[in-house]
């Protein structure tokens, strides 16, 4: 799990990177929750998603947004953080120029940033949005959503009720040739506090990744 320092728009950014299993391994970028509320790349949801992709042979990165940990700069209400995510994806793509596919995954605030990155980078094949903050943030920029993907949400999330995500996904599901899945995990809240709920969420994500990838994950990992 090598530490990496790469250049961002406002200075150096700190990340962790797992090399891929092959020279053409798919890429995955995992984005952390809100910096102003303690979100870092070491968040357990972010770390768990990072491990999920790494075990499947992806070249995967998680990193600290500006002003978090050793990353330079200051919190910028999402605009700067989106630029940070674009820089992280640039680094991954430069390191793996022959990558077969590219994914973005985010948790809470990171899911919002990830969906904006999706709109700016047509090479992103698919997305994973965990606990997307559809009640508190504007997702109308997804018009249309350019890629199929998965939303996973706690059915008992009181911070962001799942109905707000249902409304969002219902709009996105109306698009031709785009398939948006929503998996609600019974009993889970916004923070996936129990091991059982975390395991259930990761099970949904892992099954989705395995289903979407053209090359079977067992072959990628060998």
C-alpha atoms as a PDB file:
ATOM      1  CA  UNK A   1       0.000   0.000   0.000  1.00  0.00           C
ATOM      2  CA  UNK A   2       2.497   2.641  -1.149  1.00  0.00           C
ATOM      3  CA  UNK A   3       2.124   6.233  -0.028  1.00  0.00           C
ATOM      4  CA  UNK A   4       2.016   8.677  -2.921  1.00  0.00           C
ATOM      5  CA  UNK A   5       2.345  12.455  -3.027  1.00  0.00           C
ATOM      6  CA  UNK A   6       1.128  14.062  -6.235  1.00  0.00           C
ATOM      7  CA  UNK A   7       0.491  17.586  -7.444  1.00  0.00           C
ATOM      8  CA  UNK A   8      -2.975  19.070  -7.074  1.00  0.00           C
ATOM      9  CA  UNK A   9      -4.370  22.482  -8.030  1.00  0.00           C
ATOM     10  CA  UNK A  10      -3.434  23.992  -4.644  1.00  0.00           C
ATOM     11  CA  UNK A  11      -0.291  22.045  -3.821  1.00  0.00           C
ATOM     12  CA  UNK A  12       0.663  18.516  -2.878  1.00  0.00           C
ATOM     13  CA  UNK A  13      -1.983  15.874  -2.219  1.00  0.00           C
ATOM     14  CA  UNK A  14      -1.446  12.788  -0.081  1.00  0.00           C
ATOM     15  CA  UNK A  15      -2.718   9.392  -1.162  1.00  0.00           C
ATOM     16  CA  UNK A  16      -2.417   5.643  -0.849  1.00  0.00           C
ATOM     17  CA  UNK A  17      -2.139   3.503  -3.939  1.00  0.00           C
ATOM     18  CA  UNK A  18      -2.354  -0.212  -4.643  1.00  0.00           C
ATOM     19  CA  UNK A  19      -0.784  -1.291  -7.964  1.00  0.00           C
ATOM     20  CA  UNK A  20      -2.918  -3.341 -10.312  1.00  0.00           C
ATOM     21  CA  UNK A  21      -2.516  -7.027 -11.038  1.00  0.00           C
ATOM     22  CA  UNK A  22      -1.729  -6.424 -14.732  1.00  0.00           C
ATOM     23  CA  UNK A  23      -0.463  -3.654 -16.977  1.00  0.00           C
ATOM     24  CA  UNK A  24      -4.003  -3.232 -18.288  1.00  0.00           C
ATOM     25  CA  UNK A  25      -5.706  -3.481 -14.901  1.00  0.00           C
ATOM     26  CA  UNK A  26      -8.857  -1.409 -14.452  1.00  0.00           C
ATOM     27  CA  UNK A  27      -8.604   1.736 -12.331  1.00  0.00           C
ATOM     28  CA  UNK A  28     -10.618   2.770  -9.279  1.00  0.00           C
ATOM     29  CA  UNK A  29     -10.587   6.075  -7.414  1.00  0.00           C
ATOM     30  CA  UNK A  30     -12.202   6.108  -3.945  1.00  0.00           C
ATOM     31  CA  UNK A  31     -13.309   9.440  -2.426  1.00  0.00           C
ATOM     32  CA  UNK A  32     -13.729  10.193   1.270  1.00  0.00           C
ATOM     33  CA  UNK A  33     -16.537  11.933   3.204  1.00  0.00           C
ATOM     34  CA  UNK A  34     -16.789  15.593   4.197  1.00  0.00           C
ATOM     35  CA  UNK A  35     -13.456  17.151   5.213  1.00  0.00           C
ATOM     36  CA  UNK A  36     -15.137  19.594   7.605  1.00  0.00           C
ATOM     37  CA  UNK A  37     -16.652  16.726   9.602  1.00  0.00           C
ATOM     38  CA  UNK A  38     -13.600  14.538  10.035  1.00  0.00           C
ATOM     39  CA  UNK A  39     -13.638  12.805   6.661  1.00  0.00           C
ATOM     40  CA  UNK A  40     -10.291  11.381   5.546  1.00  0.00           C
ATOM     41  CA  UNK A  41      -8.957   8.700   3.233  1.00  0.00           C
ATOM     42  CA  UNK A  42      -8.599   6.491   6.337  1.00  0.00           C
ATOM     43  CA  UNK A  43     -12.343   6.427   6.944  1.00  0.00           C
ATOM     44  CA  UNK A  44     -13.295   2.766   7.395  1.00  0.00           C
ATOM     45  CA  UNK A  45     -15.889   2.827   4.595  1.00  0.00           C
ATOM     46  CA  UNK A  46     -13.358   4.335   2.200  1.00  0.00           C
ATOM     47  CA  UNK A  47     -10.673   1.882   3.282  1.00  0.00           C
ATOM     48  CA  UNK A  48     -13.070  -1.049   2.873  1.00  0.00           C
ATOM     49  CA  UNK A  49     -14.011   0.037  -0.660  1.00  0.00           C
ATOM     50  CA  UNK A  50     -10.327   0.506  -1.459  1.00  0.00           C
ATOM     51  CA  UNK A  51      -9.607  -3.059  -0.333  1.00  0.00           C
ATOM     52  CA  UNK A  52     -12.567  -4.387  -2.303  1.00  0.00           C
ATOM     53  CA  UNK A  53     -11.166  -3.015  -5.557  1.00  0.00           C
ATOM     54  CA  UNK A  54      -7.580  -4.012  -4.702  1.00  0.00           C
ATOM     55  CA  UNK A  55      -8.608  -7.631  -4.096  1.00  0.00           C
ATOM     56  CA  UNK A  56     -10.108  -7.691  -7.567  1.00  0.00           C
ATOM     57  CA  UNK A  57      -6.875  -6.681  -9.266  1.00  0.00           C
ATOM     58  CA  UNK A  58      -7.662  -2.995  -9.775  1.00  0.00           C
ATOM     59  CA  UNK A  59      -5.052  -0.256  -9.600  1.00  0.00           C
ATOM     60  CA  UNK A  60      -6.784   1.742  -6.876  1.00  0.00           C
ATOM     61  CA  UNK A  61      -6.179   5.036  -5.072  1.00  0.00           C
ATOM     62  CA  UNK A  62      -7.661   6.815  -2.074  1.00  0.00           C
ATOM     63  CA  UNK A  63      -6.384  10.250  -1.148  1.00  0.00           C
ATOM     64  CA  UNK A  64      -6.952  13.186   1.170  1.00  0.00           C
ATOM     65  CA  UNK A  65      -8.739  16.194  -0.241  1.00  0.00           C
ATOM     66  CA  UNK A  66      -7.040  19.579   0.191  1.00  0.00           C
ATOM     67  CA  UNK A  67      -6.522  20.602   3.806  1.00  0.00           C
ATOM     68  CA  UNK A  68      -6.849  17.043   5.129  1.00  0.00           C
ATOM     69  CA  UNK A  69      -3.886  15.158   6.594  1.00  0.00           C
ATOM     70  CA  UNK A  70      -0.760  16.082   4.675  1.00  0.00           C
ATOM     71  CA  UNK A  71      -2.643  17.459   1.662  1.00  0.00           C
ATOM     72  CA  UNK A  72      -2.050  21.150   1.131  1.00  0.00           C
ATOM     73  CA  UNK A  73      -4.717  23.798   0.678  1.00  0.00           C
ATOM     74  CA  UNK A  74      -8.026  24.530   2.394  1.00  0.00           C
ATOM     75  CA  UNK A  75     -11.559  23.165   2.178  1.00  0.00           C
ATOM     76  CA  UNK A  76     -13.295  24.689  -0.857  1.00  0.00           C
ATOM     77  CA  UNK A  77     -16.979  23.679  -0.523  1.00  0.00           C
ATOM     78  CA  UNK A  78     -16.707  21.025  -3.219  1.00  0.00           C
ATOM     79  CA  UNK A  79     -15.360  22.989  -6.176  1.00  0.00           C
ATOM     80  CA  UNK A  80     -11.721  22.583  -5.215  1.00  0.00           C
ATOM     81  CA  UNK A  81     -12.268  19.017  -4.049  1.00  0.00           C
ATOM     82  CA  UNK A  82     -13.606  18.133  -7.497  1.00  0.00           C
ATOM     83  CA  UNK A  83     -10.393  19.507  -9.000  1.00  0.00           C
ATOM     84  CA  UNK A  84      -8.406  17.419  -6.499  1.00  0.00           C
ATOM     85  CA  UNK A  85     -10.271  14.288  -7.606  1.00  0.00           C
ATOM     86  CA  UNK A  86      -9.527  15.094 -11.253  1.00  0.00           C
ATOM     87  CA  UNK A  87      -5.819  15.408 -10.399  1.00  0.00           C
ATOM     88  CA  UNK A  88      -5.897  12.043  -8.621  1.00  0.00           C
ATOM     89  CA  UNK A  89      -7.507  10.419 -11.659  1.00  0.00           C
ATOM     90  CA  UNK A  90      -4.889  12.037 -13.893  1.00  0.00           C
ATOM     91  CA  UNK A  91      -2.165  10.465 -11.723  1.00  0.00           C
ATOM     92  CA  UNK A  92      -3.766   7.039 -11.910  1.00  0.00           C
ATOM     93  CA  UNK A  93      -4.194   7.235 -15.678  1.00  0.00           C
ATOM     94  CA  UNK A  94      -0.614   8.393 -16.194  1.00  0.00           C
ATOM     95  CA  UNK A  95       0.599   5.474 -14.066  1.00  0.00           C
ATOM     96  CA  UNK A  96      -1.615   2.971 -15.918  1.00  0.00           C
ATOM     97  CA  UNK A  97      -1.991   4.313 -19.476  1.00  0.00           C
ATOM     98  CA  UNK A  98      -3.213   0.929 -20.736  1.00  0.00           C
ATOM     99  CA  UNK A  99      -5.951   0.512 -18.132  1.00  0.00           C
ATOM    100  CA  UNK A 100      -8.946  -1.397 -19.426  1.00  0.00           C
ATOM    101  CA  UNK A 101     -11.605   0.526 -17.504  1.00  0.00           C
ATOM    102  CA  UNK A 102     -12.018   3.298 -14.968  1.00  0.00           C
ATOM    103  CA  UNK A 103     -14.350   3.434 -11.953  1.00  0.00           C
ATOM    104  CA  UNK A 104     -15.063   6.074  -9.332  1.00  0.00           C
ATOM    105  CA  UNK A 105     -16.444   5.288  -5.874  1.00  0.00           C
ATOM    106  CA  UNK A 106     -17.367   7.678  -3.105  1.00  0.00           C
ATOM    107  CA  UNK A 107     -18.914   7.717   0.341  1.00  0.00           C
ATOM    108  CA  UNK A 108     -21.301  10.520   1.405  1.00  0.00           C
ATOM    109  CA  UNK A 109     -19.652  13.837   0.373  1.00  0.00           C
ATOM    110  CA  UNK A 110     -17.235  11.738  -1.680  1.00  0.00           C
ATOM    111  CA  UNK A 111     -20.179  10.261  -3.580  1.00  0.00           C
ATOM    112  CA  UNK A 112     -21.318  13.771  -4.538  1.00  0.00           C
ATOM    113  CA  UNK A 113     -17.830  14.668  -5.741  1.00  0.00           C
ATOM    114  CA  UNK A 114     -17.551  11.359  -7.584  1.00  0.00           C
ATOM    115  CA  UNK A 115     -20.757  11.942  -9.509  1.00  0.00           C
ATOM    116  CA  UNK A 116     -19.535  15.381 -10.579  1.00  0.00           C
ATOM    117  CA  UNK A 117     -16.251  13.847 -11.725  1.00  0.00           C
ATOM    118  CA  UNK A 118     -18.282  11.346 -13.728  1.00  0.00           C
ATOM    119  CA  UNK A 119     -19.855  14.212 -15.655  1.00  0.00           C
ATOM    120  CA  UNK A 120     -16.459  15.701 -16.524  1.00  0.00           C
ATOM    121  CA  UNK A 121     -14.591  12.537 -17.447  1.00  0.00           C
ATOM    122  CA  UNK A 122     -16.257  10.454 -20.168  1.00  0.00           C
ATOM    123  CA  UNK A 123     -13.688   7.690 -19.762  1.00  0.00           C
ATOM    124  CA  UNK A 124     -15.253   6.664 -16.426  1.00  0.00           C
ATOM    125  CA  UNK A 125     -16.952   3.340 -17.088  1.00  0.00           C
ATOM    126  CA  UNK A 126     -19.047   3.033 -13.930  1.00  0.00           C
ATOM    127  CA  UNK A 127     -19.586   4.417 -10.424  1.00  0.00           C
ATOM    128  CA  UNK A 128     -20.355   3.364  -6.872  1.00  0.00           C
ATOM    129  CA  UNK A 129     -22.119   5.910  -4.630  1.00  0.00           C
ATOM    130  CA  UNK A 130     -22.463   4.910  -0.978  1.00  0.00           C
ATOM    131  CA  UNK A 131     -24.793   6.999   1.212  1.00  0.00           C
ATOM    132  CA  UNK A 132     -25.113   9.682  -1.465  1.00  0.00           C
ATOM    133  CA  UNK A 133     -26.229  12.953   0.224  1.00  0.00           C
ATOM    134  CA  UNK A 134     -29.185  13.504  -2.104  1.00  0.00           C
ATOM    135  CA  UNK A 135     -31.145  15.456   0.532  1.00  0.00           C
ATOM    136  CA  UNK A 136     -28.426  18.031   1.208  1.00  0.00           C
ATOM    137  CA  UNK A 137     -26.646  18.467  -2.132  1.00  0.00           C
ATOM    138  CA  UNK A 138     -27.800  19.300  -5.636  1.00  0.00           C
ATOM    139  CA  UNK A 139     -27.528  16.370  -8.054  1.00  0.00           C
ATOM    140  CA  UNK A 140     -29.353  18.040 -10.945  1.00  0.00           C
ATOM    141  CA  UNK A 141     -26.056  18.216 -12.853  1.00  0.00           C
ATOM    142  CA  UNK A 142     -26.716  14.553 -13.720  1.00  0.00           C
ATOM    143  CA  UNK A 143     -28.660  15.531 -16.803  1.00  0.00           C
ATOM    144  CA  UNK A 144     -28.125  13.122 -18.329  1.00  0.00           C
ATOM    145  CA  UNK A 145     -26.053  10.675 -16.283  1.00  0.00           C
ATOM    146  CA  UNK A 146     -23.337   9.432 -18.674  1.00  0.00           C
ATOM    147  CA  UNK A 147     -22.677   5.995 -17.160  1.00  0.00           C
ATOM    148  CA  UNK A 148     -24.480   3.160 -15.452  1.00  0.00           C
ATOM    149  CA  UNK A 149     -23.740   2.644 -11.789  1.00  0.00           C
ATOM    150  CA  UNK A 150     -24.829   1.670  -8.289  1.00  0.00           C
ATOM    151  CA  UNK A 151     -26.210   3.605  -5.346  1.00  0.00           C
ATOM    152  CA  UNK A 152     -26.060   1.780  -1.990  1.00  0.00           C
ATOM    153  CA  UNK A 153     -27.926   3.300   0.940  1.00  0.00           C
ATOM    154  CA  UNK A 154     -28.909   2.420   4.454  1.00  0.00           C
ATOM    155  CA  UNK A 155     -32.656   1.810   4.672  1.00  0.00           C
ATOM    156  CA  UNK A 156     -32.644   3.380   8.168  1.00  0.00           C
ATOM    157  CA  UNK A 157     -30.470   6.375   7.267  1.00  0.00           C
ATOM    158  CA  UNK A 158     -31.923   9.341   9.180  1.00  0.00           C
ATOM    159  CA  UNK A 159     -29.223  11.808   8.063  1.00  0.00           C
ATOM    160  CA  UNK A 160     -30.147  11.250   4.403  1.00  0.00           C
ATOM    161  CA  UNK A 161     -33.455   9.359   4.148  1.00  0.00           C
ATOM    162  CA  UNK A 162     -33.410   6.720   1.441  1.00  0.00           C
ATOM    163  CA  UNK A 163     -36.499   8.266  -0.180  1.00  0.00           C
ATOM    164  CA  UNK A 164     -34.356  11.187  -1.368  1.00  0.00           C
ATOM    165  CA  UNK A 165     -32.052   8.732  -3.144  1.00  0.00           C
ATOM    166  CA  UNK A 166     -35.036   6.837  -4.566  1.00  0.00           C
ATOM    167  CA  UNK A 167     -36.281  10.064  -6.145  1.00  0.00           C
ATOM    168  CA  UNK A 168     -32.846  10.735  -7.614  1.00  0.00           C
ATOM    169  CA  UNK A 169     -32.395   7.249  -9.028  1.00  0.00           C
ATOM    170  CA  UNK A 170     -35.963   7.209 -10.407  1.00  0.00           C
ATOM    171  CA  UNK A 171     -35.088  10.226 -12.555  1.00  0.00           C
ATOM    172  CA  UNK A 172     -31.819   8.700 -13.721  1.00  0.00           C
ATOM    173  CA  UNK A 173     -33.440   5.368 -14.538  1.00  0.00           C
ATOM    174  CA  UNK A 174     -35.564   7.036 -17.209  1.00  0.00           C
ATOM    175  CA  UNK A 175     -32.542   7.498 -19.475  1.00  0.00           C
ATOM    176  CA  UNK A 176     -32.079   5.216 -22.452  1.00  0.00           C
ATOM    177  CA  UNK A 177     -29.115   2.826 -22.362  1.00  0.00           C
ATOM    178  CA  UNK A 178     -28.212   3.802 -18.778  1.00  0.00           C
ATOM    179  CA  UNK A 179     -28.978   1.409 -15.922  1.00  0.00           C
ATOM    180  CA  UNK A 180     -28.952   2.843 -12.397  1.00  0.00           C
ATOM    181  CA  UNK A 181     -29.252   0.370  -9.528  1.00  0.00           C
ATOM    182  CA  UNK A 182     -30.270   1.242  -5.967  1.00  0.00           C
ATOM    183  CA  UNK A 183     -29.671  -1.257  -3.176  1.00  0.00           C
ATOM    184  CA  UNK A 184     -31.127  -0.448   0.232  1.00  0.00           C
ATOM    185  CA  UNK A 185     -29.553  -2.296   3.150  1.00  0.00           C
ATOM    186  CA  UNK A 186     -32.114  -3.091   5.841  1.00  0.00           C
ATOM    187  CA  UNK A 187     -31.339  -1.667   9.279  1.00  0.00           C
ATOM    188  CA  UNK A 188     -28.259   0.283   8.145  1.00  0.00           C
ATOM    189  CA  UNK A 189     -27.774   3.986   8.875  1.00  0.00           C
ATOM    190  CA  UNK A 190     -25.642   6.635   7.203  1.00  0.00           C
ATOM    191  CA  UNK A 191     -22.476   5.502   8.990  1.00  0.00           C
ATOM    192  CA  UNK A 192     -22.685   1.708   8.538  1.00  0.00           C
ATOM    193  CA  UNK A 193     -21.909   1.277  12.231  1.00  0.00           C
ATOM    194  CA  UNK A 194     -22.267  -2.464  12.619  1.00  0.00           C
ATOM    195  CA  UNK A 195     -19.988  -5.077  11.025  1.00  0.00           C
ATOM    196  CA  UNK A 196     -23.043  -6.856   9.604  1.00  0.00           C
ATOM    197  CA  UNK A 197     -24.292  -3.732   7.824  1.00  0.00           C
ATOM    198  CA  UNK A 198     -20.828  -2.910   6.495  1.00  0.00           C
ATOM    199  CA  UNK A 199     -20.435  -6.462   5.234  1.00  0.00           C
ATOM    200  CA  UNK A 200     -23.839  -6.318   3.559  1.00  0.00           C
ATOM    201  CA  UNK A 201     -22.969  -3.063   1.806  1.00  0.00           C
ATOM    202  CA  UNK A 202     -19.630  -4.423   0.593  1.00  0.00           C
ATOM    203  CA  UNK A 203     -21.396  -7.560  -0.602  1.00  0.00           C
ATOM    204  CA  UNK A 204     -23.721  -5.464  -2.762  1.00  0.00           C
ATOM    205  CA  UNK A 205     -20.822  -3.443  -4.157  1.00  0.00           C
ATOM    206  CA  UNK A 206     -18.655  -6.483  -4.839  1.00  0.00           C
ATOM    207  CA  UNK A 207     -21.452  -8.316  -6.626  1.00  0.00           C
ATOM    208  CA  UNK A 208     -22.143  -5.247  -8.753  1.00  0.00           C
ATOM    209  CA  UNK A 209     -18.480  -4.793  -9.736  1.00  0.00           C
ATOM    210  CA  UNK A 210     -18.170  -8.470 -10.620  1.00  0.00           C
ATOM    211  CA  UNK A 211     -21.327  -8.307 -12.707  1.00  0.00           C
ATOM    212  CA  UNK A 212     -20.366  -5.169 -14.623  1.00  0.00           C
ATOM    213  CA  UNK A 213     -16.781  -5.947 -15.510  1.00  0.00           C
ATOM    214  CA  UNK A 214     -16.398  -7.526 -18.978  1.00  0.00           C
ATOM    215  CA  UNK A 215     -13.443  -9.627 -17.793  1.00  0.00           C
ATOM    216  CA  UNK A 216     -14.314 -11.968 -14.907  1.00  0.00           C
ATOM    217  CA  UNK A 217     -12.650 -10.804 -11.710  1.00  0.00           C
ATOM    218  CA  UNK A 218     -11.222 -14.254 -11.076  1.00  0.00           C
ATOM    219  CA  UNK A 219      -9.241 -13.888 -14.294  1.00  0.00           C
ATOM    220  CA  UNK A 220      -8.089 -10.382 -13.431  1.00  0.00           C
ATOM    221  CA  UNK A 221      -6.778 -11.458 -10.049  1.00  0.00           C
ATOM    222  CA  UNK A 222      -4.731 -14.374 -11.399  1.00  0.00           C
END
